Amino acid sequence: MPEGPEVWALSLMLNEYNLKSVSYGKHLFYNNQDWTFGLHGRVFLDPLNQLIKVESDISGTVKDCDSIEWLVNNKNLGKDWMNSKKEEIQMIVNEWKSMKKKLGTLLIDQSYISGIGVAWGSEILHRCQLDPNKRAFEQNLNRLTDVIIEVRDEIKFKYTHFVMKQSSMKEAINNWYYNLYALRTITPMINGIQVKMGGRVWWSNLKQKL
């Protein structure tokens, strides 16, 4: 599933191709529309350079949208992970420290931080050695803010480098979904186990089975 970093990279490519767009979390604001991408979202530039969404039953939606501000308010989106300040993330994590909800549930709740899904959430919690299936207040979250920012900055560097070295931006846009999945490295997916929680599949390499 394309998460915040992947949608951010798509927006970067579109802007490099002179097609104005803005990303916010998992949403792409383009041509006065809100684009979401579901599990297998893909796009295609036609011969007239019109951006087309490749549709399937699980590819998200395209809906009219007045502005990015309207989108954020209407969808009750929290801070945009790809562009948030460390202080903003820290305030959210401080709130989580006393909460009884499971940490994984909080991390992917788009009303707190918009753009983190179970894939990048698994990487973040892996680096902190935190348990998505355990309540937030029962765990030590002191490193969580730093890691959320660290993972974000690493992704931005990697994806930006990839975009800027493309000889054909149109081809890169058309292959966006496949290229970024090839680039995306989620450590616990490689050497961890699946953790089913709340209808989602997380990945963890904690020694104990969660």
N, C-alpha and C. Protein backbone atom coordinates (compact mmCIF):
# COMPACT_ATOMS: atom_id res chain seq x y z
N MET A 1 0.84 -1.20 0.00
CA MET A 1 0.00 0.00 0.00
C MET A 1 0.88 1.26 0.00
N PRO A 2 0.64 2.20 -0.91
CA PRO A 2 1.37 3.46 -0.86
C PRO A 2 1.02 4.22 0.42
N GLU A 3 2.04 4.57 1.19
CA GLU A 3 1.84 5.35 2.40
C GLU A 3 2.36 6.77 2.16
N GLY A 4 2.44 7.56 3.21
CA GLY A 4 2.84 8.95 3.05
C GLY A 4 4.09 9.17 2.22
N PRO A 5 5.17 8.43 2.47
CA PRO A 5 6.40 8.66 1.68
C PRO A 5 6.22 8.40 0.19
N GLU A 6 5.47 7.38 -0.15
CA GLU A 6 5.28 7.06 -1.56
C GLU A 6 4.43 8.11 -2.27
N VAL A 7 3.39 8.60 -1.59
CA VAL A 7 2.56 9.65 -2.18
C VAL A 7 3.36 10.95 -2.28
N TRP A 8 4.19 11.22 -1.26
CA TRP A 8 5.07 12.39 -1.30
C TRP A 8 6.01 12.33 -2.51
N ALA A 9 6.56 11.16 -2.78
CA ALA A 9 7.47 10.99 -3.92
C ALA A 9 6.73 11.17 -5.24
N LEU A 10 5.49 10.68 -5.32
CA LEU A 10 4.70 10.88 -6.53
C LEU A 10 4.47 12.37 -6.77
N SER A 11 4.13 13.10 -5.72
CA SER A 11 3.94 14.54 -5.85
C SER A 11 5.21 15.23 -6.31
N LEU A 12 6.34 14.79 -5.77
CA LEU A 12 7.63 15.36 -6.19
C LEU A 12 7.85 15.14 -7.68
N MET A 13 7.56 13.93 -8.16
CA MET A 13 7.75 13.64 -9.58
C MET A 13 6.80 14.47 -10.45
N LEU A 14 5.56 14.58 -10.03
CA LEU A 14 4.59 15.36 -10.80
C LEU A 14 5.03 16.82 -10.90
N ASN A 15 5.50 17.37 -9.81
CA ASN A 15 5.94 18.76 -9.82
C ASN A 15 7.18 18.94 -10.69
N GLU A 16 8.07 17.96 -10.68
CA GLU A 16 9.23 18.01 -11.56
C GLU A 16 8.80 17.97 -13.04
N TYR A 17 7.65 17.36 -13.29
CA TYR A 17 7.11 17.26 -14.65
C TYR A 17 6.17 18.42 -14.96
N ASN A 18 6.16 19.41 -14.07
CA ASN A 18 5.33 20.62 -14.22
C ASN A 18 3.84 20.34 -14.13
N LEU A 19 3.48 19.33 -13.36
CA LEU A 19 2.08 19.07 -13.03
C LEU A 19 1.92 19.35 -11.53
N LYS A 20 1.35 20.49 -11.21
CA LYS A 20 1.31 20.96 -9.83
C LYS A 20 0.49 20.03 -8.94
N SER A 21 1.07 19.64 -7.82
CA SER A 21 0.38 18.77 -6.87
C SER A 21 0.94 19.00 -5.47
N VAL A 22 0.20 18.53 -4.48
CA VAL A 22 0.63 18.60 -3.08
C VAL A 22 0.25 17.28 -2.42
N SER A 23 1.15 16.74 -1.63
CA SER A 23 0.82 15.54 -0.86
C SER A 23 0.54 15.93 0.58
N TYR A 24 -0.36 15.18 1.20
CA TYR A 24 -0.60 15.34 2.64
C TYR A 24 -0.95 13.97 3.18
N GLY A 25 -0.07 13.41 3.98
CA GLY A 25 -0.28 12.04 4.44
C GLY A 25 -0.36 11.10 3.26
N LYS A 26 -1.38 10.27 3.22
CA LYS A 26 -1.58 9.32 2.13
C LYS A 26 -2.40 9.90 0.98
N HIS A 27 -2.68 11.20 1.04
CA HIS A 27 -3.53 11.86 0.05
C HIS A 27 -2.68 12.69 -0.92
N LEU A 28 -3.09 12.68 -2.18
CA LEU A 28 -2.50 13.54 -3.19
C LEU A 28 -3.55 14.56 -3.61
N PHE A 29 -3.23 15.84 -3.46
CA PHE A 29 -4.13 16.89 -3.92
C PHE A 29 -3.65 17.33 -5.30
N TYR A 30 -4.46 17.01 -6.31
CA TYR A 30 -4.07 17.26 -7.70
C TYR A 30 -5.30 17.65 -8.51
N ASN A 31 -5.18 18.72 -9.26
CA ASN A 31 -6.25 19.16 -10.16
C ASN A 31 -7.57 19.34 -9.40
N ASN A 32 -7.47 19.95 -8.20
CA ASN A 32 -8.64 20.17 -7.34
C ASN A 32 -9.37 18.88 -7.00
N GLN A 33 -8.60 17.83 -6.82
CA GLN A 33 -9.16 16.53 -6.44
C GLN A 33 -8.30 15.88 -5.36
N ASP A 34 -8.95 15.07 -4.55
CA ASP A 34 -8.28 14.28 -3.52
C ASP A 34 -8.10 12.86 -4.07
N TRP A 35 -6.85 12.47 -4.29
CA TRP A 35 -6.54 11.14 -4.79
C TRP A 35 -6.03 10.27 -3.64
N THR A 36 -6.63 9.09 -3.46
CA THR A 36 -6.10 8.10 -2.52
C THR A 36 -5.82 6.81 -3.31
N PHE A 37 -5.02 5.92 -2.73
CA PHE A 37 -4.46 4.84 -3.55
C PHE A 37 -4.69 3.43 -3.03
N GLY A 38 -5.38 3.26 -1.93
CA GLY A 38 -5.74 1.91 -1.49
C GLY A 38 -4.53 0.99 -1.39
N LEU A 39 -4.75 -0.27 -1.74
CA LEU A 39 -3.68 -1.26 -1.63
C LEU A 39 -2.76 -1.28 -2.84
N HIS A 40 -3.30 -1.01 -4.01
CA HIS A 40 -2.51 -1.15 -5.23
C HIS A 40 -2.69 0.06 -6.15
N GLY A 41 -2.57 1.25 -5.59
CA GLY A 41 -2.77 2.44 -6.39
C GLY A 41 -1.68 2.64 -7.43
N ARG A 42 -2.09 2.94 -8.64
CA ARG A 42 -1.15 3.23 -9.73
C ARG A 42 -1.70 4.37 -10.56
N VAL A 43 -0.80 5.07 -11.25
CA VAL A 43 -1.20 6.18 -12.11
C VAL A 43 -0.53 6.03 -13.47
N PHE A 44 -1.05 6.80 -14.43
CA PHE A 44 -0.52 6.72 -15.79
C PHE A 44 -0.70 8.06 -16.48
N LEU A 45 0.35 8.55 -17.12
CA LEU A 45 0.25 9.76 -17.93
C LEU A 45 -0.07 9.37 -19.37
N ASP A 46 -1.22 9.83 -19.86
CA ASP A 46 -1.62 9.48 -21.21
C ASP A 46 -0.82 10.31 -22.24
N PRO A 47 -1.01 10.09 -23.54
CA PRO A 47 -0.24 10.82 -24.56
C PRO A 47 -0.40 12.34 -24.48
N LEU A 48 -1.49 12.82 -23.88
CA LEU A 48 -1.70 14.26 -23.72
C LEU A 48 -1.21 14.77 -22.38
N ASN A 49 -0.50 13.89 -21.65
CA ASN A 49 0.04 14.22 -20.33
C ASN A 49 -1.05 14.50 -19.30
N GLN A 50 -2.18 13.85 -19.48
CA GLN A 50 -3.23 13.87 -18.47
C GLN A 50 -3.00 12.71 -17.51
N LEU A 51 -3.01 13.01 -16.22
CA LEU A 51 -2.78 11.97 -15.23
C LEU A 51 -4.04 11.14 -15.04
N ILE A 52 -3.91 9.84 -15.24
CA ILE A 52 -5.02 8.90 -15.13
C ILE A 52 -4.77 7.97 -13.95
N LYS A 53 -5.80 7.70 -13.20
CA LYS A 53 -5.67 6.74 -12.10
C LYS A 53 -6.07 5.36 -12.61
N VAL A 54 -5.20 4.39 -12.43
CA VAL A 54 -5.48 3.02 -12.84
C VAL A 54 -6.39 2.41 -11.79
N GLU A 55 -7.61 2.10 -12.18
CA GLU A 55 -8.62 1.69 -11.21
C GLU A 55 -8.68 0.17 -11.01
N SER A 56 -8.96 -0.18 -9.77
CA SER A 56 -9.28 -1.57 -9.42
C SER A 56 -10.17 -1.50 -8.18
N ASP A 57 -10.58 -2.66 -7.67
CA ASP A 57 -11.47 -2.66 -6.51
C ASP A 57 -10.79 -2.15 -5.25
N ILE A 58 -9.44 -2.13 -5.23
CA ILE A 58 -8.72 -1.74 -4.02
C ILE A 58 -7.68 -0.66 -4.31
N SER A 59 -8.03 0.24 -5.21
CA SER A 59 -7.06 1.24 -5.65
C SER A 59 -7.36 2.64 -5.12
N GLY A 60 -8.24 2.79 -4.15
CA GLY A 60 -8.55 4.10 -3.62
C GLY A 60 -9.55 4.86 -4.47
N THR A 61 -9.60 6.18 -4.28
CA THR A 61 -10.64 6.98 -4.92
C THR A 61 -10.06 8.30 -5.45
N VAL A 62 -10.84 8.95 -6.30
CA VAL A 62 -10.58 10.32 -6.74
C VAL A 62 -11.86 11.10 -6.50
N LYS A 63 -11.76 12.15 -5.67
CA LYS A 63 -12.95 12.94 -5.34
C LYS A 63 -12.64 14.42 -5.46
N ASP A 64 -13.63 15.19 -5.88
CA ASP A 64 -13.45 16.64 -5.95
C ASP A 64 -13.14 17.20 -4.57
N CYS A 65 -12.28 18.22 -4.57
CA CYS A 65 -11.80 18.76 -3.30
C CYS A 65 -11.47 20.24 -3.51
N ASP A 66 -11.99 21.11 -2.66
CA ASP A 66 -11.81 22.55 -2.84
C ASP A 66 -10.38 23.00 -2.66
N SER A 67 -9.71 22.46 -1.65
CA SER A 67 -8.36 22.90 -1.32
C SER A 67 -7.71 21.88 -0.41
N ILE A 68 -6.41 21.99 -0.25
CA ILE A 68 -5.71 21.08 0.67
C ILE A 68 -6.16 21.33 2.11
N GLU A 69 -6.49 22.59 2.43
CA GLU A 69 -6.97 22.91 3.77
C GLU A 69 -8.32 22.25 4.04
N TRP A 70 -9.18 22.28 3.02
CA TRP A 70 -10.48 21.62 3.15
C TRP A 70 -10.29 20.12 3.36
N LEU A 71 -9.36 19.55 2.61
CA LEU A 71 -9.09 18.12 2.72
C LEU A 71 -8.66 17.75 4.13
N VAL A 72 -7.71 18.50 4.68
CA VAL A 72 -7.20 18.22 6.02
C VAL A 72 -8.31 18.30 7.06
N ASN A 73 -9.13 19.33 6.96
CA ASN A 73 -10.21 19.51 7.93
C ASN A 73 -11.32 18.49 7.75
N ASN A 74 -11.70 18.22 6.50
CA ASN A 74 -12.80 17.31 6.21
C ASN A 74 -12.46 15.88 6.59
N LYS A 75 -11.20 15.49 6.39
CA LYS A 75 -10.76 14.13 6.70
C LYS A 75 -10.21 14.00 8.12
N ASN A 76 -10.20 15.10 8.85
CA ASN A 76 -9.67 15.11 10.22
C ASN A 76 -8.25 14.55 10.26
N LEU A 77 -7.41 15.07 9.38
CA LEU A 77 -6.03 14.58 9.29
C LEU A 77 -5.15 15.29 10.31
N GLY A 78 -4.26 14.53 10.92
CA GLY A 78 -3.30 15.10 11.86
C GLY A 78 -2.11 15.70 11.14
N LYS A 79 -1.00 15.81 11.84
CA LYS A 79 0.20 16.40 11.26
C LYS A 79 0.72 15.54 10.11
N ASP A 80 1.12 16.22 9.04
CA ASP A 80 1.66 15.52 7.88
C ASP A 80 3.05 15.00 8.21
N TRP A 81 3.21 13.67 8.24
CA TRP A 81 4.48 13.06 8.64
C TRP A 81 5.65 13.57 7.81
N MET A 82 5.46 13.70 6.51
CA MET A 82 6.56 14.04 5.63
C MET A 82 7.04 15.48 5.78
N ASN A 83 6.26 16.32 6.43
CA ASN A 83 6.63 17.74 6.54
C ASN A 83 6.49 18.29 7.96
N SER A 84 6.27 17.43 8.93
CA SER A 84 6.05 17.91 10.29
C SER A 84 7.37 18.21 10.99
N LYS A 85 7.29 19.08 11.98
CA LYS A 85 8.45 19.41 12.80
C LYS A 85 8.57 18.42 13.96
N LYS A 86 9.79 18.24 14.43
CA LYS A 86 10.03 17.32 15.54
C LYS A 86 9.20 17.69 16.76
N GLU A 87 9.07 19.00 17.02
CA GLU A 87 8.32 19.45 18.19
C GLU A 87 6.85 19.06 18.09
N GLU A 88 6.31 19.07 16.88
CA GLU A 88 4.91 18.69 16.68
C GLU A 88 4.70 17.20 16.94
N ILE A 89 5.64 16.39 16.47
CA ILE A 89 5.56 14.94 16.71
C ILE A 89 5.73 14.65 18.19
N GLN A 90 6.63 15.37 18.84
CA GLN A 90 6.87 15.13 20.26
C GLN A 90 5.62 15.39 21.09
N MET A 91 4.87 16.43 20.73
CA MET A 91 3.63 16.72 21.46
C MET A 91 2.64 15.57 21.34
N ILE A 92 2.58 14.96 20.18
CA ILE A 92 1.68 13.82 19.96
C ILE A 92 2.13 12.62 20.76
N VAL A 93 3.42 12.32 20.70
CA VAL A 93 3.95 11.17 21.44
C VAL A 93 3.77 11.37 22.95
N ASN A 94 3.94 12.58 23.43
CA ASN A 94 3.72 12.85 24.86
C ASN A 94 2.30 12.52 25.26
N GLU A 95 1.36 12.81 24.37
CA GLU A 95 -0.05 12.48 24.63
C GLU A 95 -0.24 10.96 24.69
N TRP A 96 0.43 10.24 23.80
CA TRP A 96 0.30 8.79 23.76
C TRP A 96 0.81 8.11 25.03
N LYS A 97 1.77 8.73 25.69
CA LYS A 97 2.43 8.09 26.83
C LYS A 97 1.46 7.71 27.95
N SER A 98 0.33 8.36 28.00
CA SER A 98 -0.64 8.05 29.05
C SER A 98 -1.88 7.34 28.52
N MET A 99 -1.84 6.93 27.26
CA MET A 99 -3.04 6.36 26.64
C MET A 99 -3.06 4.84 26.72
N LYS A 100 -4.28 4.27 26.84
CA LYS A 100 -4.45 2.83 27.00
C LYS A 100 -4.66 2.10 25.68
N LYS A 101 -4.74 2.83 24.59
CA LYS A 101 -4.88 2.17 23.29
C LYS A 101 -3.57 1.48 22.92
N LYS A 102 -3.67 0.48 22.05
CA LYS A 102 -2.47 -0.20 21.58
C LYS A 102 -1.63 0.77 20.76
N LEU A 103 -0.32 0.66 20.90
CA LEU A 103 0.58 1.60 20.26
C LEU A 103 0.45 1.57 18.73
N GLY A 104 0.29 0.37 18.16
CA GLY A 104 0.14 0.27 16.73
C GLY A 104 -1.09 1.02 16.23
N THR A 105 -2.18 0.93 16.99
CA THR A 105 -3.41 1.63 16.63
C THR A 105 -3.20 3.13 16.60
N LEU A 106 -2.49 3.65 17.59
CA LEU A 106 -2.23 5.08 17.65
C LEU A 106 -1.31 5.53 16.51
N LEU A 107 -0.30 4.73 16.21
CA LEU A 107 0.70 5.14 15.23
C LEU A 107 0.11 5.28 13.83
N ILE A 108 -0.90 4.47 13.50
CA ILE A 108 -1.49 4.56 12.16
C ILE A 108 -2.83 5.30 12.15
N ASP A 109 -3.20 5.88 13.28
CA ASP A 109 -4.40 6.72 13.33
C ASP A 109 -4.09 8.03 12.63
N GLN A 110 -4.69 8.26 11.47
CA GLN A 110 -4.34 9.41 10.64
C GLN A 110 -4.74 10.75 11.26
N SER A 111 -5.54 10.72 12.32
CA SER A 111 -5.90 11.97 12.98
C SER A 111 -4.80 12.47 13.91
N TYR A 112 -3.82 11.64 14.18
CA TYR A 112 -2.64 12.06 14.95
C TYR A 112 -1.50 12.43 14.00
N ILE A 113 -0.95 11.44 13.31
CA ILE A 113 0.11 11.66 12.33
C ILE A 113 -0.37 11.07 11.01
N SER A 114 -0.46 11.90 10.01
CA SER A 114 -1.01 11.47 8.73
C SER A 114 0.10 11.01 7.80
N GLY A 115 0.02 9.75 7.37
CA GLY A 115 0.99 9.23 6.42
C GLY A 115 1.67 7.94 6.84
N ILE A 116 1.60 7.59 8.11
CA ILE A 116 2.22 6.35 8.59
C ILE A 116 1.19 5.23 8.49
N GLY A 117 1.56 4.15 7.80
CA GLY A 117 0.74 2.94 7.74
C GLY A 117 1.47 1.80 8.41
N VAL A 118 0.98 0.59 8.23
CA VAL A 118 1.57 -0.55 8.94
C VAL A 118 2.96 -0.90 8.43
N ALA A 119 3.27 -0.59 7.18
CA ALA A 119 4.61 -0.90 6.66
C ALA A 119 5.66 -0.04 7.33
N TRP A 120 5.57 1.28 7.16
CA TRP A 120 6.54 2.15 7.79
C TRP A 120 6.37 2.18 9.30
N GLY A 121 5.15 1.96 9.78
CA GLY A 121 4.96 1.83 11.23
C GLY A 121 5.72 0.65 11.80
N SER A 122 5.74 -0.45 11.05
CA SER A 122 6.51 -1.63 11.48
C SER A 122 8.00 -1.30 11.57
N GLU A 123 8.50 -0.55 10.60
CA GLU A 123 9.92 -0.16 10.62
C GLU A 123 10.23 0.74 11.82
N ILE A 124 9.35 1.69 12.07
CA ILE A 124 9.56 2.60 13.20
C ILE A 124 9.59 1.83 14.52
N LEU A 125 8.61 0.98 14.75
CA LEU A 125 8.55 0.25 16.01
C LEU A 125 9.67 -0.77 16.12
N HIS A 126 10.09 -1.34 15.00
CA HIS A 126 11.23 -2.25 14.99
C HIS A 126 12.48 -1.55 15.52
N ARG A 127 12.73 -0.35 15.03
CA ARG A 127 13.94 0.37 15.46
C ARG A 127 13.89 0.75 16.93
N CYS A 128 12.69 0.98 17.44
CA CYS A 128 12.53 1.32 18.86
C CYS A 128 12.39 0.09 19.73
N GLN A 129 12.24 -1.08 19.11
CA GLN A 129 11.93 -2.32 19.82
C GLN A 129 10.67 -2.16 20.68
N LEU A 130 9.64 -1.61 20.04
CA LEU A 130 8.35 -1.43 20.69
C LEU A 130 7.33 -2.38 20.07
N ASP A 131 6.30 -2.68 20.82
CA ASP A 131 5.31 -3.69 20.46
C ASP A 131 4.02 -3.03 19.96
N PRO A 132 3.64 -3.24 18.71
CA PRO A 132 2.40 -2.61 18.21
C PRO A 132 1.16 -3.13 18.91
N ASN A 133 1.25 -4.33 19.46
CA ASN A 133 0.10 -5.01 20.04
C ASN A 133 -0.02 -4.79 21.55
N LYS A 134 0.81 -3.90 22.09
CA LYS A 134 0.81 -3.61 23.51
C LYS A 134 0.38 -2.16 23.72
N ARG A 135 -0.32 -1.90 24.82
CA ARG A 135 -0.84 -0.57 25.06
C ARG A 135 0.29 0.46 25.22
N ALA A 136 0.02 1.67 24.75
CA ALA A 136 1.06 2.70 24.69
C ALA A 136 1.62 3.02 26.07
N PHE A 137 0.76 3.18 27.07
CA PHE A 137 1.23 3.62 28.38
C PHE A 137 2.09 2.58 29.08
N GLU A 138 2.05 1.34 28.60
CA GLU A 138 2.84 0.27 29.22
C GLU A 138 4.27 0.20 28.66
N GLN A 139 4.59 1.06 27.68
CA GLN A 139 5.88 0.97 27.02
C GLN A 139 6.67 2.28 27.17
N ASN A 140 7.97 2.18 26.97
CA ASN A 140 8.85 3.34 27.06
C ASN A 140 8.93 4.00 25.67
N LEU A 141 8.31 5.14 25.53
CA LEU A 141 8.22 5.81 24.23
C LEU A 141 9.25 6.93 24.08
N ASN A 142 10.27 6.93 24.93
CA ASN A 142 11.21 8.05 24.93
C ASN A 142 11.98 8.21 23.62
N ARG A 143 12.19 7.14 22.87
CA ARG A 143 12.93 7.22 21.61
C ARG A 143 12.01 7.36 20.39
N LEU A 144 10.72 7.26 20.61
CA LEU A 144 9.80 7.14 19.48
C LEU A 144 9.83 8.37 18.58
N THR A 145 9.80 9.56 19.14
CA THR A 145 9.82 10.77 18.31
C THR A 145 11.06 10.83 17.44
N ASP A 146 12.22 10.58 18.03
CA ASP A 146 13.47 10.63 17.26
C ASP A 146 13.44 9.64 16.10
N VAL A 147 12.91 8.46 16.34
CA VAL A 147 12.89 7.44 15.29
C VAL A 147 11.87 7.77 14.21
N ILE A 148 10.72 8.31 14.58
CA ILE A 148 9.74 8.73 13.58
C ILE A 148 10.36 9.74 12.62
N ILE A 149 11.11 10.68 13.16
CA ILE A 149 11.78 11.69 12.33
C ILE A 149 12.94 11.08 11.56
N GLU A 150 13.70 10.21 12.21
CA GLU A 150 14.85 9.56 11.56
C GLU A 150 14.43 8.76 10.34
N VAL A 151 13.41 7.94 10.50
CA VAL A 151 12.92 7.11 9.39
C VAL A 151 12.40 8.01 8.27
N ARG A 152 11.64 9.04 8.62
CA ARG A 152 11.12 9.97 7.63
C ARG A 152 12.23 10.62 6.82
N ASP A 153 13.26 11.10 7.51
CA ASP A 153 14.35 11.80 6.81
C ASP A 153 15.14 10.86 5.91
N GLU A 154 15.34 9.64 6.34
CA GLU A 154 16.03 8.65 5.49
C GLU A 154 15.24 8.36 4.22
N ILE A 155 13.92 8.21 4.37
CA ILE A 155 13.07 7.95 3.21
C ILE A 155 13.12 9.13 2.23
N LYS A 156 12.98 10.34 2.75
CA LYS A 156 12.99 11.52 1.88
C LYS A 156 14.29 11.61 1.09
N PHE A 157 15.40 11.31 1.76
CA PHE A 157 16.70 11.35 1.07
C PHE A 157 16.75 10.29 -0.03
N LYS A 158 16.33 9.08 0.29
CA LYS A 158 16.38 7.99 -0.69
C LYS A 158 15.46 8.25 -1.87
N TYR A 159 14.22 8.66 -1.60
CA TYR A 159 13.26 8.87 -2.67
C TYR A 159 13.63 10.08 -3.52
N THR A 160 14.13 11.15 -2.89
CA THR A 160 14.55 12.32 -3.64
C THR A 160 15.70 11.98 -4.58
N HIS A 161 16.67 11.23 -4.08
CA HIS A 161 17.82 10.82 -4.90
C HIS A 161 17.33 10.00 -6.10
N PHE A 162 16.39 9.11 -5.85
CA PHE A 162 15.84 8.29 -6.94
C PHE A 162 15.17 9.16 -7.99
N VAL A 163 14.34 10.09 -7.55
CA VAL A 163 13.59 10.93 -8.49
C VAL A 163 14.54 11.79 -9.32
N MET A 164 15.53 12.38 -8.67
CA MET A 164 16.39 13.33 -9.37
C MET A 164 17.34 12.68 -10.37
N LYS A 165 17.53 11.40 -10.28
CA LYS A 165 18.43 10.75 -11.24
C LYS A 165 17.69 10.13 -12.42
N GLN A 166 16.37 10.31 -12.48
CA GLN A 166 15.59 9.73 -13.57
C GLN A 166 15.82 10.48 -14.88
N SER A 167 16.06 9.76 -15.94
CA SER A 167 16.24 10.38 -17.26
C SER A 167 14.88 10.68 -17.91
N SER A 168 13.85 9.93 -17.54
CA SER A 168 12.51 10.17 -18.07
C SER A 168 11.54 10.25 -16.90
N MET A 169 11.12 11.48 -16.56
CA MET A 169 10.21 11.65 -15.43
C MET A 169 8.85 11.05 -15.74
N LYS A 170 8.42 11.10 -16.99
CA LYS A 170 7.13 10.52 -17.35
C LYS A 170 7.16 9.01 -17.12
N GLU A 171 8.22 8.37 -17.51
CA GLU A 171 8.34 6.94 -17.29
C GLU A 171 8.39 6.62 -15.80
N ALA A 172 9.08 7.46 -15.04
CA ALA A 172 9.16 7.25 -13.60
C ALA A 172 7.79 7.36 -12.95
N ILE A 173 6.98 8.32 -13.41
CA ILE A 173 5.63 8.47 -12.88
C ILE A 173 4.78 7.24 -13.22
N ASN A 174 4.87 6.78 -14.45
CA ASN A 174 4.08 5.63 -14.87
C ASN A 174 4.47 4.36 -14.13
N ASN A 175 5.72 4.28 -13.68
CA ASN A 175 6.20 3.10 -12.95
C ASN A 175 6.35 3.36 -11.46
N TRP A 176 5.72 4.45 -11.01
CA TRP A 176 5.86 4.89 -9.62
C TRP A 176 5.64 3.77 -8.60
N TYR A 177 4.54 3.09 -8.71
CA TYR A 177 4.18 2.07 -7.72
C TYR A 177 5.24 0.98 -7.63
N TYR A 178 5.67 0.47 -8.76
CA TYR A 178 6.62 -0.64 -8.77
C TYR A 178 8.02 -0.19 -8.36
N ASN A 179 8.45 0.99 -8.83
CA ASN A 179 9.78 1.47 -8.51
C ASN A 179 9.95 1.72 -7.01
N LEU A 180 8.94 2.36 -6.39
CA LEU A 180 9.09 2.69 -4.98
C LEU A 180 8.97 1.46 -4.10
N TYR A 181 8.20 0.48 -4.53
CA TYR A 181 8.17 -0.76 -3.76
C TYR A 181 9.52 -1.47 -3.82
N ALA A 182 10.21 -1.34 -4.94
CA ALA A 182 11.55 -1.93 -5.05
C ALA A 182 12.53 -1.20 -4.15
N LEU A 183 12.33 0.09 -3.96
CA LEU A 183 13.22 0.88 -3.11
C LEU A 183 12.91 0.71 -1.63
N ARG A 184 11.67 0.42 -1.30
CA ARG A 184 11.21 0.45 0.10
C ARG A 184 11.77 -0.72 0.87
N THR A 185 12.48 -0.43 1.94
CA THR A 185 13.09 -1.47 2.77
C THR A 185 12.48 -1.42 4.17
N ILE A 186 11.69 -2.42 4.50
CA ILE A 186 11.10 -2.54 5.82
C ILE A 186 11.80 -3.72 6.51
N THR A 187 12.69 -3.42 7.42
CA THR A 187 13.56 -4.44 7.99
C THR A 187 12.82 -5.65 8.57
N PRO A 188 11.79 -5.46 9.40
CA PRO A 188 11.12 -6.64 9.96
C PRO A 188 10.38 -7.49 8.94
N MET A 189 10.11 -6.94 7.73
CA MET A 189 9.51 -7.77 6.68
C MET A 189 10.50 -8.80 6.16
N ILE A 190 11.79 -8.48 6.31
CA ILE A 190 12.83 -9.36 5.81
C ILE A 190 13.13 -10.49 6.78
N ASN A 191 13.24 -10.15 8.07
CA ASN A 191 13.65 -11.17 9.02
C ASN A 191 12.74 -11.28 10.24
N GLY A 192 11.50 -10.76 10.11
CA GLY A 192 10.60 -10.80 11.24
C GLY A 192 9.42 -11.74 11.03
N ILE A 193 8.40 -11.56 11.84
CA ILE A 193 7.19 -12.38 11.77
C ILE A 193 5.98 -11.47 11.60
N GLN A 194 4.90 -12.04 11.08
CA GLN A 194 3.66 -11.29 10.95
C GLN A 194 2.97 -11.18 12.30
N VAL A 195 2.40 -10.02 12.54
CA VAL A 195 1.64 -9.76 13.77
C VAL A 195 0.28 -9.23 13.35
N LYS A 196 -0.77 -10.03 13.56
CA LYS A 196 -2.11 -9.59 13.18
C LYS A 196 -2.74 -8.83 14.34
N MET A 197 -3.21 -7.62 14.03
CA MET A 197 -3.78 -6.77 15.06
C MET A 197 -4.79 -5.82 14.45
N GLY A 198 -6.01 -5.85 14.96
CA GLY A 198 -7.04 -4.94 14.49
C GLY A 198 -7.34 -5.04 13.02
N GLY A 199 -7.27 -6.24 12.46
CA GLY A 199 -7.53 -6.42 11.05
C GLY A 199 -6.38 -6.05 10.14
N ARG A 200 -5.25 -5.67 10.70
CA ARG A 200 -4.06 -5.31 9.93
C ARG A 200 -2.95 -6.30 10.21
N VAL A 201 -2.01 -6.41 9.28
CA VAL A 201 -0.85 -7.27 9.46
C VAL A 201 0.38 -6.40 9.65
N TRP A 202 0.93 -6.43 10.85
CA TRP A 202 2.17 -5.75 11.16
C TRP A 202 3.33 -6.74 11.01
N TRP A 203 4.52 -6.19 11.08
CA TRP A 203 5.72 -7.02 11.05
C TRP A 203 6.59 -6.66 12.24
N SER A 204 7.17 -7.67 12.87
CA SER A 204 8.02 -7.41 14.04
C SER A 204 9.10 -8.47 14.11
N ASN A 205 10.25 -8.08 14.64
CA ASN A 205 11.30 -9.06 14.91
C ASN A 205 11.66 -9.11 16.38
N LEU A 206 10.68 -8.69 17.22
CA LEU A 206 10.88 -8.86 18.65
C LEU A 206 11.06 -10.35 18.95
N LYS A 207 11.88 -10.66 19.93
CA LYS A 207 12.23 -12.06 20.19
C LYS A 207 11.00 -12.87 20.57
N GLN A 208 10.12 -12.30 21.38
CA GLN A 208 8.93 -13.04 21.75
C GLN A 208 7.87 -12.90 20.67
N LYS A 209 7.05 -13.90 20.49
CA LYS A 209 5.95 -13.83 19.54
C LYS A 209 4.86 -12.96 20.14
N LEU A 210 4.45 -11.93 19.43
CA LEU A 210 3.51 -10.98 19.99
C LEU A 210 2.08 -11.52 19.96
